[in-house]
Each structure stands twice: as C-alpha cells, then as structure tokens.
C-alpha cells in the first residue's frame, strides 16, 4: 500500500514537472503573451516550442505570416493541433484578413489557441482587435496588452481604426 501511494505521488510529481517545463518552453517563444486562459499570441515558435504547445494544452495555432509554412503545419498536425494560416501582408493588413481571423476564432471557441506571426506585432494587433470587437474587453485593457509588445503606427494604426469603425456599426 505504501509503495502504491509512493508511485502515485511520483507520477503526480512527474506530471507537474512536465507541465512546468512545457509552460517554460511555451513562455520562451519570442514575445509570448497570455491574453486569457484559452488565448495567447506570440512570435514564431521553433520546433521545440511547437512540441511544448501540446503539453501546454494548445489545440489550435493560427499563423499570420505570408509564405510556405508546410513544416509548421505538418508538425502541428502530427501533434494533433489544428493549423490555420492567414497571409497578412505587413504593408497591407485588410479588414477581410481580420474577418477571416474572427471566423477561425469562432470555430475554435472551445479550444486553446495560439495566434502568432514573426515577432507578435501582427498577432498582438489582431488579438487587440479581437478582444475589443468580439470579447467585449475594454479598449484600454486590450491596448495595454498590445503595448507590451509594440505600439502600432502608420498603416497598422490606420488598419486598427478601420476595423474598430467597422465593428462599431
């Protein structure tokens, strides 16, 4: 009986340590930021960090970087994590890009989602807009999260204004 209790204790301890290691690996992704318990944004994760997503409970990844990310998709699929890509051109983010993102998030509402781009600039702007327009988070609160990563200017500030105006209708 004592040995069985010891095995159970050791199993729980190992599980706990594994979860801490996974969270540390996910937390090491460039500009990683938890927005709520089922939504985070970040820069581009490497292979080890992608593997840590599974242990951290992520079920969906959305990539906003244009280009071929077949390797990322393949690895995520092998891990049983969904993958979506919206090719958001840095110089030309569009309202349609954001609408597509909203559709994916609505389809993933029961899942833990990581939204990423190269450095978490595009992703944090999309996360800000999603929190404000879809989740009802106060603009100041959502903006503070985005400002931890960067403060959009020029094209991106104009894009944010366009999306906010569209959803105020």
Protein backbone atom coordinates (compact mmCIF):
# COMPACT_ATOMS: atom_id res chain seq x y z
CA UNK A 1 0.00 0.00 0.00
CA UNK A 2 2.81 2.39 0.89
CA UNK A 3 4.60 1.57 -2.36
CA UNK A 4 1.42 2.22 -4.36
CA UNK A 5 0.99 5.62 -2.66
CA UNK A 6 4.62 6.40 -3.45
CA UNK A 7 4.09 5.52 -7.15
CA UNK A 8 1.01 7.72 -7.33
CA UNK A 9 2.88 10.58 -5.67
CA UNK A 10 5.85 10.20 -8.05
CA UNK A 11 3.51 10.09 -11.08
CA UNK A 12 1.80 13.30 -9.99
CA UNK A 13 5.15 14.95 -9.33
CA UNK A 14 6.43 13.94 -12.77
CA UNK A 15 3.26 15.26 -14.42
CA UNK A 16 3.62 18.53 -12.53
CA UNK A 17 7.28 18.93 -13.54
CA UNK A 18 6.42 18.10 -17.17
CA UNK A 19 3.73 20.81 -17.22
CA UNK A 20 6.13 23.38 -15.72
CA UNK A 21 8.78 22.54 -18.33
CA UNK A 22 6.18 22.78 -21.14
CA UNK A 23 4.95 26.17 -19.88
CA UNK A 24 8.53 27.43 -19.63
CA UNK A 25 9.18 26.31 -23.22
CA UNK A 26 5.99 27.96 -24.48
CA UNK A 27 6.83 31.03 -22.42
CA UNK A 28 10.20 31.20 -24.17
CA UNK A 29 8.57 31.87 -27.55
CA UNK A 30 9.52 35.36 -28.73
CA UNK A 31 7.12 37.97 -27.27
CA UNK A 32 4.77 35.26 -25.92
CA UNK A 33 1.79 36.78 -24.14
CA UNK A 34 -1.18 35.09 -22.47
CA UNK A 35 -4.34 37.08 -23.17
CA UNK A 36 -6.77 34.83 -21.28
CA UNK A 37 -6.77 31.18 -20.26
CA UNK A 38 -7.60 29.99 -23.79
CA UNK A 39 -5.89 32.58 -25.99
CA UNK A 40 -2.28 33.72 -26.39
CA UNK A 41 -0.20 35.50 -29.01
CA UNK A 42 3.48 35.28 -29.84
CA UNK A 43 6.25 35.47 -32.34
CA UNK A 44 7.18 32.46 -34.47
CA UNK A 45 7.77 29.33 -32.35
CA UNK A 46 10.64 26.95 -33.10
CA UNK A 47 10.22 23.16 -33.30
CA UNK A 48 10.83 22.53 -29.58
CA UNK A 49 8.39 25.29 -28.65
CA UNK A 50 5.79 23.86 -31.03
CA UNK A 51 6.14 20.49 -29.31
CA UNK A 52 5.66 22.22 -25.95
CA UNK A 53 2.34 23.65 -27.17
CA UNK A 54 0.79 20.19 -26.98
CA UNK A 55 1.89 19.68 -23.36
CA UNK A 56 0.50 23.15 -22.54
CA UNK A 57 -2.92 22.21 -23.89
CA UNK A 58 -2.96 24.20 -27.13
CA UNK A 59 -5.37 22.79 -29.69
CA UNK A 60 -5.20 25.40 -32.46
CA UNK A 61 -2.46 27.58 -33.96
CA UNK A 62 -3.13 30.50 -36.28
CA UNK A 63 -0.17 31.82 -38.29
CA UNK A 64 -0.45 35.33 -39.78
CA UNK A 65 2.83 35.24 -41.77
CA UNK A 66 2.73 35.06 -45.58
CA UNK A 67 4.68 32.21 -47.14
CA UNK A 68 5.08 28.45 -47.02
CA UNK A 69 4.72 27.07 -43.51
CA UNK A 70 4.19 23.43 -44.51
CA UNK A 71 6.73 22.23 -41.93
CA UNK A 72 4.89 24.01 -39.12
CA UNK A 73 1.55 22.66 -40.32
CA UNK A 74 2.94 19.11 -40.60
CA UNK A 75 4.45 19.14 -37.12
CA UNK A 76 1.31 20.60 -35.55
CA UNK A 77 -0.90 18.08 -37.38
CA UNK A 78 1.31 15.21 -36.15
CA UNK A 79 0.81 16.55 -32.61
CA UNK A 80 -2.96 16.71 -33.09
CA UNK A 81 -3.04 20.51 -33.08
CA UNK A 82 -5.05 22.38 -35.70
CA UNK A 83 -3.31 24.85 -38.00
CA UNK A 84 -4.71 27.80 -39.93
CA UNK A 85 -2.81 30.43 -41.88
CA UNK A 86 -3.95 33.89 -42.90
CA UNK A 87 -1.31 35.54 -45.05
CA UNK A 88 -1.39 39.08 -43.66
CA UNK A 89 0.89 41.26 -45.76
CA UNK A 90 2.81 43.58 -43.42
CA UNK A 91 2.29 46.69 -45.57
CA UNK A 92 -1.38 45.90 -46.31
CA UNK A 93 -3.39 44.34 -43.48
CA UNK A 94 -7.05 44.21 -44.53
CA UNK A 95 -10.45 44.10 -42.93
CA UNK A 96 -11.01 40.81 -44.78
CA UNK A 97 -7.89 39.36 -43.10
CA UNK A 98 -9.41 40.22 -39.74
CA UNK A 99 -12.85 38.87 -40.69
CA UNK A 100 -11.26 35.56 -41.66
CA UNK A 101 -9.45 35.52 -38.32
CA UNK A 102 -12.75 36.11 -36.47
CA UNK A 103 -14.32 33.17 -38.34
CA UNK A 104 -11.45 30.88 -37.33
CA UNK A 105 -11.63 32.05 -33.71
CA UNK A 106 -15.39 31.49 -33.59
CA UNK A 107 -14.91 27.96 -34.94
CA UNK A 108 -12.19 27.43 -32.29
CA UNK A 109 -14.04 28.99 -29.34
CA UNK A 110 -13.86 25.77 -27.28
CA UNK A 111 -10.13 25.39 -27.90
CA UNK A 112 -6.93 26.83 -26.51
CA UNK A 113 -5.48 28.97 -29.34
CA UNK A 114 -2.05 30.42 -30.07
CA UNK A 115 -2.03 33.26 -32.59
CA UNK A 116 1.41 34.08 -33.97
CA UNK A 117 3.37 35.98 -36.56
CA UNK A 118 7.10 36.64 -36.84
CA UNK A 119 7.54 38.91 -33.78
CA UNK A 120 3.98 39.20 -32.37
CA UNK A 121 3.33 42.58 -33.97
CA UNK A 122 0.61 41.49 -36.42
CA UNK A 123 -0.67 38.93 -33.90
CA UNK A 124 -0.89 41.38 -30.98
CA UNK A 125 -2.79 43.86 -33.18
CA UNK A 126 -5.23 41.14 -34.25
CA UNK A 127 -5.54 39.96 -30.63
CA UNK A 128 -6.25 43.54 -29.50
CA UNK A 129 -8.95 43.93 -32.13
CA UNK A 130 -10.46 40.53 -31.34
CA UNK A 131 -10.61 41.23 -27.63
CA UNK A 132 -12.27 44.61 -28.19
CA UNK A 133 -14.66 43.76 -31.03
CA UNK A 134 -15.58 40.17 -30.17
CA UNK A 135 -14.93 39.59 -26.46
CA UNK A 136 -16.01 42.97 -25.09
CA UNK A 137 -12.70 43.68 -23.37
CA UNK A 138 -12.24 47.39 -22.61
CA UNK A 139 -10.06 49.13 -25.20
CA UNK A 140 -7.65 50.41 -22.55
CA UNK A 141 -7.11 46.93 -21.11
CA UNK A 142 -6.64 45.30 -24.51
CA UNK A 143 -4.41 48.15 -25.72
CA UNK A 144 -2.15 47.78 -22.67
CA UNK A 145 -1.53 44.14 -23.63
CA UNK A 146 -0.66 45.11 -27.20
CA UNK A 147 1.54 47.97 -25.99
CA UNK A 148 3.60 45.41 -24.02
CA UNK A 149 4.73 44.19 -27.43
CA UNK A 150 4.58 47.30 -29.64
CA UNK A 151 2.58 50.41 -30.43
CA UNK A 152 1.24 50.38 -34.00
CA UNK A 153 1.83 53.40 -36.23
CA UNK A 154 1.13 54.33 -39.83
CA UNK A 155 -0.51 51.54 -41.82
CA UNK A 156 -1.21 49.47 -38.72
CA UNK A 157 -2.78 52.33 -36.76
CA UNK A 158 -4.99 53.06 -39.78
CA UNK A 159 -5.91 49.36 -40.06
CA UNK A 160 -6.89 49.26 -36.38
CA UNK A 161 -9.08 52.35 -36.81
CA UNK A 162 -10.75 50.80 -39.86
CA UNK A 163 -11.56 47.56 -38.05
CA UNK A 164 -12.84 49.33 -34.94
CA UNK A 165 -15.06 51.60 -37.09
CA UNK A 166 -16.44 48.60 -38.99
CA UNK A 167 -17.43 46.76 -35.82
CA UNK A 168 -18.98 49.84 -34.18
CA UNK A 169 -21.80 49.73 -36.76
